[in-house]
N, C-alpha and C. Protein backbone atom coordinates (compact mmCIF):
# COMPACT_ATOMS: atom_id res chain seq x y z
N MET A 1 3.21 -21.37 11.19
CA MET A 1 3.69 -20.03 11.49
C MET A 1 2.51 -19.06 11.45
N THR A 2 2.40 -18.21 12.45
CA THR A 2 1.33 -17.23 12.54
C THR A 2 1.69 -16.00 11.71
N PRO A 3 0.74 -15.49 10.88
CA PRO A 3 1.03 -14.29 10.11
C PRO A 3 1.25 -13.09 11.03
N PRO A 4 2.02 -12.12 10.59
CA PRO A 4 2.30 -10.96 11.44
C PRO A 4 1.04 -10.14 11.66
N ASP A 5 0.95 -9.51 12.82
CA ASP A 5 -0.14 -8.61 13.12
C ASP A 5 0.08 -7.32 12.32
N PRO A 6 -0.88 -6.92 11.47
CA PRO A 6 -0.69 -5.73 10.63
C PRO A 6 -0.38 -4.47 11.43
N GLN A 7 -0.96 -4.32 12.62
CA GLN A 7 -0.69 -3.14 13.45
C GLN A 7 0.77 -3.11 13.88
N GLN A 8 1.32 -4.26 14.27
CA GLN A 8 2.72 -4.31 14.68
C GLN A 8 3.65 -4.03 13.51
N VAL A 9 3.32 -4.54 12.34
CA VAL A 9 4.15 -4.30 11.16
C VAL A 9 4.16 -2.81 10.84
N ALA A 10 3.01 -2.15 10.93
CA ALA A 10 2.93 -0.72 10.64
C ALA A 10 3.78 0.08 11.61
N GLU A 11 3.81 -0.35 12.88
CA GLU A 11 4.62 0.35 13.86
C GLU A 11 6.10 0.16 13.59
N ILE A 12 6.48 -0.98 13.07
CA ILE A 12 7.88 -1.27 12.79
C ILE A 12 8.32 -0.61 11.49
N ALA A 13 7.48 -0.69 10.46
CA ALA A 13 7.84 -0.20 9.13
C ALA A 13 7.44 1.26 8.96
N PRO A 14 8.41 2.16 8.80
CA PRO A 14 8.09 3.57 8.60
C PRO A 14 7.63 3.87 7.18
N ASP A 15 7.74 2.89 6.28
CA ASP A 15 7.36 3.09 4.89
C ASP A 15 6.23 2.16 4.50
N ILE A 16 5.46 2.60 3.53
CA ILE A 16 4.41 1.80 2.91
C ILE A 16 4.95 1.39 1.54
N THR A 17 4.64 0.20 1.09
CA THR A 17 5.06 -0.24 -0.24
C THR A 17 3.99 0.18 -1.25
N LEU A 18 4.40 0.87 -2.30
CA LEU A 18 3.53 1.18 -3.42
C LEU A 18 3.80 0.14 -4.49
N ARG A 19 2.75 -0.47 -5.03
CA ARG A 19 2.93 -1.51 -6.05
C ARG A 19 1.97 -1.28 -7.22
N CYS A 20 2.52 -1.32 -8.43
CA CYS A 20 1.72 -1.17 -9.64
C CYS A 20 1.12 -2.53 -9.99
N ASP A 21 -0.20 -2.57 -10.17
CA ASP A 21 -0.87 -3.83 -10.49
C ASP A 21 -0.56 -4.29 -11.92
N LYS A 22 -0.19 -3.35 -12.78
CA LYS A 22 0.08 -3.71 -14.18
C LYS A 22 1.51 -4.24 -14.37
N CYS A 23 2.51 -3.45 -13.99
CA CYS A 23 3.90 -3.85 -14.25
C CYS A 23 4.59 -4.47 -13.03
N LYS A 24 3.92 -4.43 -11.87
CA LYS A 24 4.42 -5.02 -10.62
C LYS A 24 5.60 -4.26 -10.01
N ARG A 25 5.90 -3.07 -10.53
CA ARG A 25 6.98 -2.26 -9.96
C ARG A 25 6.61 -1.87 -8.54
N LYS A 26 7.61 -1.85 -7.66
CA LYS A 26 7.41 -1.49 -6.26
C LYS A 26 8.33 -0.34 -5.89
N GLN A 27 7.86 0.48 -4.96
CA GLN A 27 8.71 1.52 -4.39
C GLN A 27 8.21 1.85 -3.00
N SER A 28 9.06 2.45 -2.21
CA SER A 28 8.71 2.81 -0.84
C SER A 28 8.09 4.19 -0.81
N TYR A 29 7.15 4.36 0.11
CA TYR A 29 6.47 5.63 0.32
C TYR A 29 6.51 5.90 1.82
N PRO A 30 7.15 7.00 2.23
CA PRO A 30 7.24 7.28 3.67
C PRO A 30 5.86 7.49 4.28
N ARG A 31 5.57 6.75 5.31
CA ARG A 31 4.29 6.86 6.01
C ARG A 31 4.06 8.28 6.53
N SER A 32 5.12 8.98 6.86
CA SER A 32 5.01 10.33 7.42
C SER A 32 4.46 11.35 6.42
N VAL A 33 4.53 11.07 5.13
CA VAL A 33 4.03 12.00 4.11
C VAL A 33 2.51 12.15 4.20
N ASP A 34 1.82 11.08 4.53
CA ASP A 34 0.37 11.11 4.61
C ASP A 34 -0.09 10.38 5.87
N PRO A 35 -0.10 11.08 7.01
CA PRO A 35 -0.46 10.43 8.27
C PRO A 35 -1.92 9.99 8.35
N SER A 36 -2.75 10.39 7.39
CA SER A 36 -4.15 9.97 7.41
C SER A 36 -4.35 8.52 6.94
N ILE A 37 -3.31 7.93 6.34
CA ILE A 37 -3.41 6.52 5.94
C ILE A 37 -3.39 5.67 7.20
N PRO A 38 -4.38 4.79 7.35
CA PRO A 38 -4.44 3.97 8.57
C PRO A 38 -3.14 3.19 8.81
N ALA A 39 -2.79 3.02 10.07
CA ALA A 39 -1.54 2.35 10.45
C ALA A 39 -1.49 0.90 9.96
N ARG A 40 -2.64 0.27 9.80
CA ARG A 40 -2.66 -1.14 9.39
C ARG A 40 -2.37 -1.34 7.91
N VAL A 41 -2.28 -0.24 7.13
CA VAL A 41 -1.98 -0.34 5.71
C VAL A 41 -0.48 -0.59 5.52
N ALA A 42 -0.13 -1.69 4.85
CA ALA A 42 1.27 -2.02 4.57
C ALA A 42 1.61 -1.80 3.11
N THR A 43 0.61 -1.93 2.21
CA THR A 43 0.83 -1.81 0.77
C THR A 43 -0.33 -1.04 0.14
N ILE A 44 0.01 -0.14 -0.77
CA ILE A 44 -0.99 0.52 -1.60
C ILE A 44 -0.77 0.03 -3.02
N VAL A 45 -1.78 -0.60 -3.58
CA VAL A 45 -1.71 -1.10 -4.95
C VAL A 45 -2.43 -0.10 -5.85
N VAL A 46 -1.77 0.31 -6.92
CA VAL A 46 -2.38 1.23 -7.89
C VAL A 46 -2.57 0.47 -9.20
N SER A 47 -3.64 0.82 -9.93
CA SER A 47 -3.92 0.11 -11.18
C SER A 47 -2.86 0.38 -12.23
N ARG A 48 -2.31 1.58 -12.23
CA ARG A 48 -1.25 1.95 -13.17
C ARG A 48 -0.32 2.97 -12.51
N CYS A 49 0.97 2.73 -12.57
CA CYS A 49 1.94 3.67 -12.01
C CYS A 49 2.23 4.77 -13.03
N ASP A 50 3.15 5.66 -12.68
CA ASP A 50 3.48 6.76 -13.59
C ASP A 50 4.07 6.25 -14.91
N ARG A 51 4.69 5.09 -14.90
CA ARG A 51 5.24 4.54 -16.14
C ARG A 51 4.18 3.86 -17.02
N CYS A 52 3.15 3.32 -16.40
CA CYS A 52 2.11 2.58 -17.12
C CYS A 52 0.89 3.43 -17.45
N ASP A 53 0.82 4.61 -16.88
CA ASP A 53 -0.37 5.45 -17.02
C ASP A 53 -0.66 5.76 -18.48
N ASN A 54 -1.93 5.58 -18.86
CA ASN A 54 -2.33 5.88 -20.23
C ASN A 54 -3.28 7.06 -20.29
N GLY A 55 -3.36 7.82 -19.20
CA GLY A 55 -4.22 8.99 -19.16
C GLY A 55 -5.61 8.71 -18.63
N ASP A 56 -5.93 7.45 -18.42
CA ASP A 56 -7.23 7.08 -17.88
C ASP A 56 -7.20 7.24 -16.36
N PHE A 57 -8.36 7.24 -15.75
CA PHE A 57 -8.43 7.34 -14.30
C PHE A 57 -7.99 6.03 -13.68
N GLY A 58 -7.09 6.12 -12.73
CA GLY A 58 -6.60 4.92 -12.06
C GLY A 58 -7.35 4.67 -10.77
N THR A 59 -7.13 3.52 -10.22
CA THR A 59 -7.71 3.17 -8.92
C THR A 59 -6.61 2.69 -8.01
N GLU A 60 -6.89 2.71 -6.73
CA GLU A 60 -5.94 2.17 -5.75
C GLU A 60 -6.71 1.44 -4.68
N TRP A 61 -6.03 0.49 -4.05
CA TRP A 61 -6.61 -0.18 -2.90
C TRP A 61 -5.50 -0.48 -1.93
N TRP A 62 -5.89 -0.60 -0.67
CA TRP A 62 -4.95 -0.76 0.43
C TRP A 62 -4.97 -2.19 0.93
N LEU A 63 -3.78 -2.69 1.26
CA LEU A 63 -3.65 -4.04 1.80
C LEU A 63 -2.92 -3.99 3.14
N ASP A 64 -3.29 -4.90 4.04
CA ASP A 64 -2.55 -5.00 5.30
C ASP A 64 -1.35 -5.92 5.10
N ALA A 65 -0.63 -6.20 6.15
CA ALA A 65 0.58 -7.02 6.06
C ALA A 65 0.29 -8.45 5.63
N ASN A 66 -0.97 -8.88 5.76
CA ASN A 66 -1.35 -10.23 5.36
C ASN A 66 -1.94 -10.27 3.95
N GLY A 67 -1.96 -9.14 3.26
CA GLY A 67 -2.48 -9.09 1.90
C GLY A 67 -3.99 -8.97 1.83
N LYS A 68 -4.64 -8.68 2.95
CA LYS A 68 -6.09 -8.50 2.96
C LYS A 68 -6.42 -7.02 2.77
N GLU A 69 -7.50 -6.76 2.03
CA GLU A 69 -7.87 -5.38 1.74
C GLU A 69 -8.30 -4.66 3.02
N VAL A 70 -7.85 -3.41 3.14
CA VAL A 70 -8.18 -2.56 4.28
C VAL A 70 -9.24 -1.57 3.81
N VAL A 71 -10.32 -1.49 4.56
CA VAL A 71 -11.38 -0.53 4.26
C VAL A 71 -11.30 0.57 5.30
N ASN A 72 -11.21 1.80 4.85
CA ASN A 72 -11.12 2.94 5.77
C ASN A 72 -12.53 3.42 6.10
N ASP A 73 -12.99 3.12 7.30
CA ASP A 73 -14.35 3.49 7.71
C ASP A 73 -14.42 4.93 8.15
């Protein structure tokens, strides 16, 4: 089976999945809220969500539909 093309998935899915790397909680984020996020981004992973945050600076990274990191050039 061929993995989905990230561009096609982005066109189909109006939402991006937000996922906490610590607790694995997921929620939907409307793509329309931040149109500057590249269309090939399917998931935004954050180091700590609002429930896990300990006041330290968090990080985030973007993944395409195949789970590969997206770099915004």
